[in-house]
């Protein structure tokens, strides 16, 4: 049976951010007894089906067009975040940052490769993870809506760790990375707006 938990904010989290874990850990425990030919005793089979999700919500003092431009400038991520390197492995449509673009992001360890699957300027952007983390069905979606003279940004991530033992750690790392990106996008968007850009 799946259980959902939602926690408002957290240590170091900006106001308005939320973190939720849906069916995290052991969402389905399936006991099936069988006889092991080699061991000669009943074996316990456990099936895991863990899905985690979290959402950041921020108000940005910049118009959606500016926020979208900063958010989708993949090559500049290393200037906005703690990433050591960010490159565009393949351009998308519209060029260069649209659907089909593949970005390669390096912090520590294996690089993350993500493909853009949604690009609707200036309101919606989404991507999926191709490689770099022990997860599957990993999708991030950002929605930008006008909010007075600024923008309301909702950044949602849904992912499924493939190694339950370290799944909590993986989700925590992803959440921290996304928070760093959100902070960087907000700061740069507001800087450009204040400068009249």
N, C-alpha and C. Protein backbone atom coordinates (compact mmCIF):
# COMPACT_ATOMS: atom_id res chain seq x y z
N UNK A 1 0.86 -1.19 0.00
CA UNK A 1 0.00 0.00 0.00
C UNK A 1 0.88 1.23 0.00
N UNK A 2 0.61 2.19 -0.90
CA UNK A 2 1.44 3.38 -0.98
C UNK A 2 1.00 4.40 0.05
N UNK A 3 2.02 5.14 0.54
CA UNK A 3 1.74 6.21 1.48
C UNK A 3 2.37 7.48 0.96
N UNK A 4 1.74 8.62 1.18
CA UNK A 4 2.28 9.89 0.71
C UNK A 4 2.63 10.77 1.88
N UNK A 5 3.76 11.43 1.82
CA UNK A 5 4.20 12.32 2.88
C UNK A 5 4.59 13.65 2.26
N UNK A 6 4.13 14.75 2.80
CA UNK A 6 4.51 16.07 2.30
C UNK A 6 5.11 16.88 3.42
N UNK A 7 6.24 17.52 3.19
CA UNK A 7 6.92 18.31 4.20
C UNK A 7 7.13 19.70 3.64
N UNK A 8 6.68 20.72 4.34
CA UNK A 8 6.84 22.09 3.88
C UNK A 8 8.26 22.56 4.14
N UNK A 9 8.93 23.00 3.08
CA UNK A 9 10.27 23.57 3.21
C UNK A 9 11.26 22.56 3.73
N UNK A 10 12.13 23.01 4.64
CA UNK A 10 13.17 22.16 5.19
C UNK A 10 14.36 23.03 5.47
N UNK A 11 15.41 22.49 6.09
CA UNK A 11 16.59 23.28 6.41
C UNK A 11 17.16 23.94 5.17
N UNK A 12 17.26 25.25 5.19
CA UNK A 12 17.86 25.96 4.08
C UNK A 12 16.95 26.15 2.88
N UNK A 13 15.73 25.64 2.96
CA UNK A 13 14.81 25.74 1.82
C UNK A 13 14.14 27.10 1.82
N UNK A 14 13.93 27.71 0.65
CA UNK A 14 13.29 29.02 0.58
C UNK A 14 11.82 28.92 0.89
N UNK A 15 11.21 30.03 1.35
CA UNK A 15 9.77 30.00 1.62
C UNK A 15 9.01 29.58 0.38
N UNK A 16 7.99 28.77 0.59
CA UNK A 16 7.17 28.36 -0.54
C UNK A 16 7.63 27.09 -1.20
N UNK A 17 8.77 26.53 -0.76
CA UNK A 17 9.22 25.29 -1.37
C UNK A 17 8.58 24.12 -0.65
N UNK A 18 8.32 23.06 -1.35
CA UNK A 18 7.75 21.87 -0.74
C UNK A 18 8.50 20.65 -1.18
N UNK A 19 8.47 19.63 -0.35
CA UNK A 19 9.12 18.37 -0.67
C UNK A 19 8.18 17.25 -0.29
N UNK A 20 7.88 16.39 -1.22
CA UNK A 20 6.98 15.29 -0.90
C UNK A 20 7.55 13.99 -1.42
N UNK A 21 7.30 12.95 -0.68
CA UNK A 21 7.72 11.63 -1.11
C UNK A 21 6.48 10.78 -1.21
N UNK A 22 6.24 10.24 -2.38
CA UNK A 22 5.04 9.45 -2.62
C UNK A 22 5.41 7.98 -2.69
N UNK A 23 4.92 7.21 -1.75
CA UNK A 23 5.19 5.78 -1.76
C UNK A 23 6.67 5.49 -1.69
N UNK A 24 7.42 6.32 -0.96
CA UNK A 24 8.86 6.13 -0.96
C UNK A 24 9.27 4.96 -0.09
N UNK A 25 10.35 4.34 -0.46
CA UNK A 25 10.86 3.19 0.29
C UNK A 25 10.19 1.93 -0.22
N UNK A 26 9.50 1.25 0.63
CA UNK A 26 8.84 0.01 0.24
C UNK A 26 7.36 0.28 0.07
N UNK A 27 6.96 0.56 -1.17
CA UNK A 27 5.56 0.87 -1.40
C UNK A 27 4.75 -0.39 -1.66
N UNK A 28 5.43 -1.46 -2.00
CA UNK A 28 4.72 -2.72 -2.17
C UNK A 28 5.64 -3.84 -1.71
N UNK A 29 5.20 -4.62 -0.77
CA UNK A 29 5.98 -5.74 -0.27
C UNK A 29 5.26 -7.02 -0.64
N UNK A 30 5.89 -7.77 -1.49
CA UNK A 30 5.24 -8.97 -1.99
C UNK A 30 5.99 -10.20 -1.46
N UNK A 31 5.33 -10.96 -0.64
CA UNK A 31 5.93 -12.17 -0.09
C UNK A 31 5.53 -13.36 -0.94
N UNK A 32 6.49 -14.06 -1.41
CA UNK A 32 6.19 -15.26 -2.15
C UNK A 32 7.20 -16.32 -1.75
N UNK A 33 6.72 -17.39 -1.16
CA UNK A 33 7.62 -18.43 -0.71
C UNK A 33 7.89 -19.43 -1.82
N UNK A 34 9.13 -19.79 -1.93
CA UNK A 34 9.51 -20.81 -2.89
C UNK A 34 10.67 -21.59 -2.29
N UNK A 35 10.97 -22.70 -2.86
CA UNK A 35 12.07 -23.51 -2.35
C UNK A 35 13.31 -23.30 -3.20
N UNK A 36 14.38 -22.87 -2.54
CA UNK A 36 15.64 -22.68 -3.24
C UNK A 36 16.29 -24.03 -3.47
N UNK A 37 16.58 -24.35 -4.71
CA UNK A 37 17.18 -25.64 -5.03
C UNK A 37 18.55 -25.79 -4.41
N UNK A 38 19.28 -24.65 -4.36
CA UNK A 38 20.64 -24.74 -3.84
C UNK A 38 20.66 -24.74 -2.32
N UNK A 39 19.82 -23.84 -1.71
CA UNK A 39 19.85 -23.73 -0.26
C UNK A 39 18.93 -24.72 0.43
N UNK A 40 17.85 -25.10 -0.25
CA UNK A 40 16.95 -26.08 0.33
C UNK A 40 16.05 -25.52 1.41
N UNK A 41 15.77 -24.19 1.38
CA UNK A 41 14.87 -23.61 2.36
C UNK A 41 14.04 -22.53 1.69
N UNK A 42 12.92 -22.14 2.31
CA UNK A 42 12.06 -21.12 1.69
C UNK A 42 12.82 -19.82 1.47
N UNK A 43 12.53 -19.16 0.36
CA UNK A 43 13.16 -17.87 0.05
C UNK A 43 12.10 -16.79 0.05
N UNK A 44 12.49 -15.60 0.47
CA UNK A 44 11.57 -14.48 0.53
C UNK A 44 11.87 -13.54 -0.63
N UNK A 45 10.86 -13.29 -1.44
CA UNK A 45 11.01 -12.41 -2.60
C UNK A 45 10.34 -11.08 -2.27
N UNK A 46 11.05 -9.97 -2.48
CA UNK A 46 10.52 -8.66 -2.17
C UNK A 46 10.50 -7.81 -3.44
N UNK A 47 9.37 -7.23 -3.76
CA UNK A 47 9.26 -6.37 -4.94
C UNK A 47 9.17 -4.92 -4.48
N UNK A 48 10.04 -4.06 -5.00
CA UNK A 48 10.04 -2.65 -4.66
C UNK A 48 9.41 -1.84 -5.79
N UNK A 49 8.64 -0.85 -5.44
CA UNK A 49 8.08 0.06 -6.43
C UNK A 49 8.02 1.45 -5.81
N UNK A 50 9.19 2.12 -5.68
CA UNK A 50 9.29 3.39 -4.99
C UNK A 50 9.26 4.54 -5.98
N UNK A 51 8.43 5.51 -5.71
CA UNK A 51 8.38 6.71 -6.54
C UNK A 51 8.50 7.92 -5.62
N UNK A 52 9.39 8.83 -5.95
CA UNK A 52 9.58 10.03 -5.15
C UNK A 52 9.28 11.26 -5.99
N UNK A 53 8.75 12.29 -5.37
CA UNK A 53 8.49 13.54 -6.08
C UNK A 53 8.70 14.72 -5.15
N UNK A 54 9.13 15.83 -5.69
CA UNK A 54 9.24 17.04 -4.90
C UNK A 54 8.97 18.24 -5.80
N UNK A 55 8.58 19.35 -5.17
CA UNK A 55 8.21 20.56 -5.90
C UNK A 55 8.75 21.80 -5.21
N UNK A 56 9.35 22.70 -5.99
CA UNK A 56 9.75 24.01 -5.50
C UNK A 56 8.83 25.05 -6.13
N UNK A 57 8.36 25.99 -5.32
CA UNK A 57 7.54 27.09 -5.83
C UNK A 57 8.21 28.40 -5.42
N UNK A 58 8.45 29.26 -6.41
CA UNK A 58 9.12 30.54 -6.12
C UNK A 58 8.44 31.67 -6.87
N UNK A 59 8.44 32.85 -6.28
CA UNK A 59 8.00 34.06 -6.94
C UNK A 59 9.24 34.81 -7.39
N UNK A 60 9.28 35.17 -8.67
CA UNK A 60 10.46 35.79 -9.25
C UNK A 60 10.12 37.20 -9.72
N UNK A 61 10.97 38.15 -9.36
CA UNK A 61 10.75 39.55 -9.77
C UNK A 61 11.32 39.76 -11.16
N UNK A 62 10.76 39.02 -12.10
CA UNK A 62 11.16 39.09 -13.50
C UNK A 62 10.04 38.51 -14.34
N UNK A 63 9.85 38.98 -15.58
CA UNK A 63 8.77 38.45 -16.42
C UNK A 63 9.06 37.02 -16.88
N UNK A 64 8.01 36.25 -17.21
CA UNK A 64 8.20 34.86 -17.65
C UNK A 64 9.19 34.72 -18.80
N UNK A 65 9.20 35.66 -19.74
CA UNK A 65 10.10 35.57 -20.88
C UNK A 65 11.56 35.55 -20.44
N UNK A 66 11.89 36.38 -19.44
CA UNK A 66 13.26 36.43 -18.94
C UNK A 66 13.61 35.16 -18.19
N UNK A 67 12.69 34.71 -17.34
CA UNK A 67 12.94 33.49 -16.55
C UNK A 67 13.12 32.29 -17.48
N UNK A 68 12.28 32.20 -18.50
CA UNK A 68 12.36 31.08 -19.43
C UNK A 68 13.69 31.10 -20.17
N UNK A 69 14.14 32.27 -20.59
CA UNK A 69 15.40 32.39 -21.31
C UNK A 69 16.57 31.93 -20.45
N UNK A 70 16.57 32.30 -19.18
CA UNK A 70 17.65 31.88 -18.27
C UNK A 70 17.57 30.38 -18.00
N UNK A 71 16.37 29.90 -17.72
CA UNK A 71 16.16 28.49 -17.40
C UNK A 71 16.60 27.55 -18.52
N UNK A 72 16.39 27.95 -19.76
CA UNK A 72 16.67 27.06 -20.88
C UNK A 72 18.02 27.33 -21.55
N UNK A 73 18.85 28.18 -20.96
CA UNK A 73 20.19 28.42 -21.50
C UNK A 73 21.13 27.40 -20.88
N UNK A 74 21.08 26.17 -21.39
CA UNK A 74 21.77 25.04 -20.77
C UNK A 74 23.27 25.24 -20.64
N UNK A 75 23.88 25.88 -21.61
CA UNK A 75 25.33 26.05 -21.60
C UNK A 75 25.80 26.94 -20.44
N UNK A 76 24.92 27.75 -19.89
CA UNK A 76 25.32 28.68 -18.83
C UNK A 76 25.03 28.16 -17.43
N UNK A 77 24.55 26.93 -17.32
CA UNK A 77 24.21 26.39 -15.99
C UNK A 77 25.40 26.43 -15.03
N UNK A 78 26.61 26.18 -15.55
CA UNK A 78 27.78 26.16 -14.68
C UNK A 78 28.09 27.55 -14.12
N UNK A 79 27.55 28.60 -14.74
CA UNK A 79 27.74 29.96 -14.23
C UNK A 79 26.72 30.31 -13.16
N UNK A 80 25.61 29.58 -13.14
CA UNK A 80 24.52 29.88 -12.22
C UNK A 80 24.47 28.96 -11.01
N UNK A 81 25.15 27.83 -11.10
CA UNK A 81 25.04 26.78 -10.08
C UNK A 81 26.44 26.28 -9.69
N UNK A 82 26.51 25.36 -8.71
CA UNK A 82 27.81 24.79 -8.34
C UNK A 82 28.37 23.80 -9.36
N UNK A 83 27.67 23.56 -10.47
CA UNK A 83 28.16 22.65 -11.50
C UNK A 83 29.54 23.09 -11.98
N UNK A 84 30.41 22.11 -12.22
CA UNK A 84 31.73 22.42 -12.75
C UNK A 84 31.71 22.64 -14.25
N UNK A 85 30.76 21.97 -14.92
CA UNK A 85 30.72 22.04 -16.37
C UNK A 85 29.31 21.78 -16.87
N UNK A 86 28.90 22.53 -17.89
CA UNK A 86 27.60 22.29 -18.52
C UNK A 86 27.76 22.53 -20.01
N UNK A 87 27.48 21.51 -20.79
CA UNK A 87 27.63 21.60 -22.24
C UNK A 87 26.37 21.10 -22.93
N UNK A 88 26.18 21.57 -24.14
CA UNK A 88 25.06 21.11 -24.95
C UNK A 88 25.60 20.06 -25.90
N UNK A 89 25.26 18.81 -25.61
CA UNK A 89 25.76 17.68 -26.39
C UNK A 89 25.08 17.62 -27.76
N UNK A 90 23.80 18.01 -27.79
CA UNK A 90 23.06 18.03 -29.04
C UNK A 90 22.05 19.17 -29.01
N UNK A 91 21.94 19.91 -30.09
CA UNK A 91 20.98 21.00 -30.15
C UNK A 91 19.58 20.46 -30.44
N UNK A 92 18.59 21.23 -30.00
CA UNK A 92 17.20 20.83 -30.20
C UNK A 92 16.48 21.76 -31.13
N UNK A 93 15.15 21.68 -31.11
CA UNK A 93 14.30 22.49 -31.98
C UNK A 93 13.22 23.16 -31.13
N UNK A 94 13.14 24.50 -31.08
CA UNK A 94 13.98 25.42 -31.84
C UNK A 94 15.41 25.46 -31.30
N UNK A 95 16.34 25.73 -32.20
CA UNK A 95 17.76 25.74 -31.86
C UNK A 95 18.07 26.92 -30.91
N UNK A 96 19.00 26.74 -29.99
CA UNK A 96 19.69 25.47 -29.76
C UNK A 96 19.12 24.66 -28.59
N UNK A 97 18.21 25.27 -27.80
CA UNK A 97 17.85 24.68 -26.51
C UNK A 97 16.50 23.97 -26.44
N UNK A 98 15.83 23.79 -27.59
CA UNK A 98 14.49 23.23 -27.59
C UNK A 98 14.39 21.72 -27.51
N UNK A 99 13.25 21.19 -27.92
CA UNK A 99 12.95 19.76 -27.83
C UNK A 99 14.01 18.95 -28.57
N UNK A 100 14.51 17.92 -27.89
CA UNK A 100 15.53 17.06 -28.47
C UNK A 100 16.93 17.44 -28.06
N UNK A 101 17.11 18.62 -27.49
CA UNK A 101 18.44 19.03 -27.01
C UNK A 101 18.87 18.11 -25.88
N UNK A 102 20.15 17.77 -25.85
CA UNK A 102 20.71 16.96 -24.77
C UNK A 102 21.79 17.77 -24.07
N UNK A 103 21.60 17.97 -22.78
CA UNK A 103 22.58 18.71 -21.99
C UNK A 103 23.35 17.75 -21.10
N UNK A 104 24.65 18.03 -20.93
CA UNK A 104 25.52 17.20 -20.12
C UNK A 104 26.03 18.05 -18.97
N UNK A 105 25.65 17.67 -17.75
CA UNK A 105 25.93 18.46 -16.56
C UNK A 105 26.88 17.70 -15.64
N UNK A 106 27.98 18.35 -15.26
CA UNK A 106 28.99 17.69 -14.44
C UNK A 106 29.23 18.44 -13.14
N UNK A 107 29.08 17.75 -12.02
CA UNK A 107 29.40 18.31 -10.71
C UNK A 107 30.53 17.46 -10.14
N UNK A 108 30.18 16.33 -9.55
CA UNK A 108 31.16 15.33 -9.12
C UNK A 108 30.64 13.98 -9.58
N UNK A 109 31.53 13.05 -9.83
CA UNK A 109 31.10 11.74 -10.30
C UNK A 109 30.66 11.78 -11.75
N UNK A 110 29.88 10.78 -12.16
CA UNK A 110 29.43 10.70 -13.56
C UNK A 110 28.59 11.91 -13.95
N UNK A 111 28.74 12.35 -15.18
CA UNK A 111 27.94 13.47 -15.68
C UNK A 111 26.49 13.05 -15.85
N UNK A 112 25.58 13.99 -15.67
CA UNK A 112 24.16 13.74 -15.92
C UNK A 112 23.86 14.14 -17.35
N UNK A 113 23.14 13.29 -18.05
CA UNK A 113 22.71 13.60 -19.42
C UNK A 113 21.18 13.68 -19.42
N UNK A 114 20.68 14.84 -19.80
CA UNK A 114 19.24 15.08 -19.78
C UNK A 114 18.77 15.55 -21.15
N UNK A 115 17.60 15.07 -21.56
CA UNK A 115 17.05 15.45 -22.86
C UNK A 115 15.80 16.30 -22.68
N UNK A 116 15.72 17.39 -23.42
CA UNK A 116 14.55 18.26 -23.37
C UNK A 116 13.39 17.58 -24.08
N UNK A 117 12.25 17.47 -23.40
CA UNK A 117 11.08 16.82 -24.00
C UNK A 117 9.89 17.77 -24.11
N UNK A 118 10.02 18.96 -23.53
CA UNK A 118 8.96 19.95 -23.63
C UNK A 118 9.55 21.35 -23.62
N UNK A 119 9.13 22.18 -24.59
CA UNK A 119 9.69 23.53 -24.71
C UNK A 119 8.61 24.44 -25.27
N UNK A 120 7.89 25.11 -24.36
CA UNK A 120 6.77 25.97 -24.75
C UNK A 120 7.01 27.36 -24.17
N UNK A 121 7.78 28.16 -24.89
CA UNK A 121 8.14 29.50 -24.42
C UNK A 121 6.91 30.41 -24.39
N UNK A 122 6.74 31.19 -23.29
CA UNK A 122 7.60 31.25 -22.11
C UNK A 122 6.98 30.55 -20.90
N UNK A 123 6.13 29.54 -21.14
CA UNK A 123 5.35 29.01 -20.02
C UNK A 123 5.71 27.65 -19.47
N UNK A 124 6.36 26.79 -20.28
CA UNK A 124 6.56 25.42 -19.79
C UNK A 124 7.81 24.80 -20.40
N UNK A 125 8.54 24.08 -19.55
CA UNK A 125 9.78 23.40 -19.97
C UNK A 125 9.88 22.09 -19.22
N UNK A 126 10.27 21.02 -19.92
CA UNK A 126 10.42 19.73 -19.25
C UNK A 126 11.55 18.93 -19.87
N UNK A 127 12.08 18.01 -19.07
CA UNK A 127 13.21 17.19 -19.51
C UNK A 127 13.14 15.83 -18.83
N UNK A 128 13.91 14.88 -19.37
CA UNK A 128 14.02 13.57 -18.76
C UNK A 128 15.49 13.20 -18.64
N UNK A 129 15.81 12.43 -17.62
CA UNK A 129 17.19 12.00 -17.41
C UNK A 129 17.50 10.79 -18.27
N UNK A 130 18.61 10.86 -19.01
CA UNK A 130 19.04 9.74 -19.85
C UNK A 130 20.03 8.84 -19.13
N UNK A 131 20.95 9.43 -18.38
CA UNK A 131 21.96 8.64 -17.67
C UNK A 131 22.64 9.49 -16.61
N UNK A 132 23.33 8.80 -15.68
CA UNK A 132 24.11 9.50 -14.67
C UNK A 132 23.68 9.26 -13.24
N UNK A 133 22.46 8.74 -13.03
CA UNK A 133 21.97 8.44 -11.69
C UNK A 133 21.22 7.11 -11.69
N UNK A 134 21.22 6.39 -10.56
CA UNK A 134 20.49 5.11 -10.48
C UNK A 134 19.00 5.35 -10.28
N UNK A 135 18.36 5.93 -11.31
CA UNK A 135 16.92 6.18 -11.27
C UNK A 135 16.33 5.85 -12.64
N UNK A 136 15.01 5.78 -12.70
CA UNK A 136 14.31 5.61 -13.97
C UNK A 136 13.07 6.48 -13.94
N UNK A 137 12.50 6.70 -15.11
CA UNK A 137 11.29 7.52 -15.23
C UNK A 137 11.45 8.87 -14.54
N UNK A 138 12.64 9.45 -14.69
CA UNK A 138 12.94 10.72 -14.05
C UNK A 138 12.55 11.87 -14.98
N UNK A 139 11.60 12.69 -14.54
CA UNK A 139 11.12 13.80 -15.36
C UNK A 139 11.03 15.05 -14.51
N UNK A 140 11.55 16.15 -15.05
CA UNK A 140 11.43 17.45 -14.40
C UNK A 140 10.58 18.37 -15.26
N UNK A 141 9.66 19.09 -14.64
CA UNK A 141 8.78 20.00 -15.37
C UNK A 141 8.73 21.34 -14.65
N UNK A 142 8.92 22.41 -15.42
CA UNK A 142 8.88 23.76 -14.87
C UNK A 142 7.76 24.53 -15.54
N UNK A 143 6.87 25.11 -14.74
CA UNK A 143 5.79 25.92 -15.26
C UNK A 143 5.95 27.35 -14.77
N UNK A 144 5.84 28.30 -15.71
CA UNK A 144 6.00 29.72 -15.41
C UNK A 144 4.71 30.45 -15.76
N UNK A 145 4.15 31.15 -14.78
CA UNK A 145 2.91 31.89 -15.02
C UNK A 145 3.09 33.33 -14.57
N UNK A 146 2.50 34.29 -15.30
CA UNK A 146 2.59 35.69 -14.90
C UNK A 146 2.04 35.90 -13.50
N UNK A 147 2.71 36.75 -12.74
CA UNK A 147 2.30 37.04 -11.38
C UNK A 147 2.55 38.53 -11.13
N UNK A 148 1.56 39.37 -11.51
CA UNK A 148 1.78 40.80 -11.47
C UNK A 148 2.82 41.16 -12.53
N UNK A 149 3.87 41.85 -12.09
CA UNK A 149 4.96 42.19 -13.01
C UNK A 149 6.04 41.12 -13.01
N UNK A 150 5.83 40.06 -12.22
CA UNK A 150 6.81 38.99 -12.11
C UNK A 150 6.31 37.66 -12.59
N UNK A 151 6.87 36.60 -12.00
CA UNK A 151 6.56 35.24 -12.44
C UNK A 151 6.43 34.30 -11.25
N UNK A 152 5.47 33.41 -11.32
CA UNK A 152 5.40 32.31 -10.37
C UNK A 152 6.03 31.09 -11.04
N UNK A 153 7.05 30.54 -10.42
CA UNK A 153 7.74 29.38 -10.97
C UNK A 153 7.44 28.15 -10.12
N UNK A 154 6.98 27.09 -10.78
CA UNK A 154 6.74 25.81 -10.11
C UNK A 154 7.62 24.76 -10.78
N UNK A 155 8.55 24.22 -10.04
CA UNK A 155 9.52 23.24 -10.56
C UNK A 155 9.24 21.91 -9.88
N UNK A 156 8.74 20.95 -10.64
CA UNK A 156 8.36 19.65 -10.08
C UNK A 156 9.21 18.53 -10.68
N UNK A 157 9.62 17.61 -9.83
CA UNK A 157 10.42 16.47 -10.26
C UNK A 157 9.78 15.18 -9.76
N UNK A 158 9.73 14.20 -10.64
CA UNK A 158 9.24 12.87 -10.28
C UNK A 158 10.28 11.86 -10.72
N UNK A 159 10.65 10.95 -9.83
CA UNK A 159 11.71 10.00 -10.14
C UNK A 159 11.50 8.70 -9.40
N UNK A 160 12.14 7.66 -9.88
CA UNK A 160 12.03 6.35 -9.25
C UNK A 160 13.42 5.73 -9.09
N UNK A 161 13.98 5.77 -7.88
CA UNK A 161 15.29 5.15 -7.65
C UNK A 161 15.26 3.67 -7.98
N UNK A 162 16.35 3.19 -8.58
CA UNK A 162 16.41 1.77 -8.96
C UNK A 162 17.15 0.94 -7.93
N UNK A 163 17.78 1.60 -6.95
CA UNK A 163 18.48 0.89 -5.88
C UNK A 163 17.87 1.36 -4.56
N UNK A 164 16.86 0.65 -4.04
CA UNK A 164 16.13 1.09 -2.85
C UNK A 164 17.01 1.40 -1.65
N UNK A 165 18.11 0.67 -1.47
CA UNK A 165 18.95 0.86 -0.30
C UNK A 165 19.51 2.28 -0.23
N UNK A 166 19.86 2.86 -1.38
CA UNK A 166 20.44 4.21 -1.40
C UNK A 166 19.48 5.22 -2.03
N UNK A 167 18.23 4.82 -2.23
CA UNK A 167 17.27 5.69 -2.89
C UNK A 167 17.08 7.02 -2.19
N UNK A 168 17.03 7.00 -0.85
CA UNK A 168 16.85 8.24 -0.10
C UNK A 168 17.97 9.23 -0.33
N UNK A 169 19.19 8.72 -0.39
CA UNK A 169 20.35 9.58 -0.63
C UNK A 169 20.31 10.18 -2.03
N UNK A 170 19.94 9.36 -3.01
CA UNK A 170 19.86 9.84 -4.40
C UNK A 170 18.84 10.96 -4.52
N UNK A 171 17.67 10.77 -3.91
CA UNK A 171 16.62 11.79 -3.97
C UNK A 171 17.09 13.08 -3.29
N UNK A 172 17.79 12.95 -2.16
CA UNK A 172 18.29 14.13 -1.46
C UNK A 172 19.29 14.91 -2.31
N UNK A 173 20.15 14.18 -3.02
CA UNK A 173 21.15 14.83 -3.89
C UNK A 173 20.46 15.56 -5.04
N UNK A 174 19.47 14.90 -5.65
CA UNK A 174 18.74 15.52 -6.75
C UNK A 174 18.01 16.77 -6.27
N UNK A 175 17.38 16.67 -5.11
CA UNK A 175 16.64 17.81 -4.57
C UNK A 175 17.57 19.00 -4.34
N UNK A 176 18.75 18.74 -3.77
CA UNK A 176 19.70 19.81 -3.52
C UNK A 176 20.19 20.45 -4.81
N UNK A 177 20.41 19.62 -5.84
CA UNK A 177 20.87 20.13 -7.13
C UNK A 177 19.79 21.02 -7.78
N UNK A 178 18.55 20.58 -7.71
CA UNK A 178 17.45 21.36 -8.28
C UNK A 178 17.28 22.67 -7.53
N UNK A 179 17.40 22.64 -6.22
CA UNK A 179 17.31 23.87 -5.42
C UNK A 179 18.40 24.85 -5.85
N UNK A 180 19.62 24.33 -6.09
CA UNK A 180 20.70 25.20 -6.54
C UNK A 180 20.40 25.83 -7.89
N UNK A 181 19.79 25.06 -8.79
CA UNK A 181 19.42 25.58 -10.10
C UNK A 181 18.32 26.64 -9.97
N UNK A 182 17.31 26.35 -9.16
CA UNK A 182 16.22 27.31 -8.96
C UNK A 182 16.77 28.63 -8.41
N UNK A 183 17.62 28.54 -7.40
CA UNK A 183 18.21 29.74 -6.82
C UNK A 183 19.00 30.53 -7.87
N UNK A 184 19.78 29.82 -8.69
CA UNK A 184 20.58 30.47 -9.72
C UNK A 184 19.73 31.14 -10.78
N UNK A 185 18.66 30.46 -11.20
CA UNK A 185 17.77 31.02 -12.22
C UNK A 185 17.06 32.26 -11.69
N UNK A 186 16.59 32.20 -10.45
CA UNK A 186 15.92 33.35 -9.85
C UNK A 186 16.87 34.54 -9.77
N UNK A 187 18.06 34.31 -9.27
CA UNK A 187 19.03 35.40 -9.09
C UNK A 187 19.39 36.05 -10.42
N UNK A 188 19.66 35.23 -11.45
CA UNK A 188 20.06 35.78 -12.75
C UNK A 188 18.89 36.47 -13.44
N UNK A 189 17.71 35.92 -13.32
CA UNK A 189 16.53 36.54 -13.94
C UNK A 189 16.26 37.90 -13.34
N UNK A 190 16.34 37.99 -12.02
CA UNK A 190 16.10 39.26 -11.35
C UNK A 190 17.21 40.26 -11.64
N UNK A 191 18.44 39.79 -11.79
CA UNK A 191 19.55 40.68 -12.13
C UNK A 191 19.32 41.30 -13.51
N UNK A 192 18.93 40.46 -14.48
CA UNK A 192 18.70 40.96 -15.83
C UNK A 192 17.57 41.97 -15.87
N UNK A 193 16.51 41.68 -15.12
CA UNK A 193 15.37 42.58 -15.10
C UNK A 193 15.73 43.92 -14.48
N UNK A 194 16.46 43.88 -13.38
CA UNK A 194 16.87 45.11 -12.70
C UNK A 194 17.79 45.95 -13.59
N UNK A 195 18.57 45.24 -14.43
CA UNK A 195 19.50 45.94 -15.33
C UNK A 195 18.82 46.40 -16.63
N UNK A 196 17.53 46.06 -16.74
CA UNK A 196 16.79 46.46 -17.94
C UNK A 196 16.97 45.53 -19.10
N UNK A 197 17.46 44.25 -18.79
CA UNK A 197 17.71 43.29 -19.86
C UNK A 197 16.54 42.38 -20.11
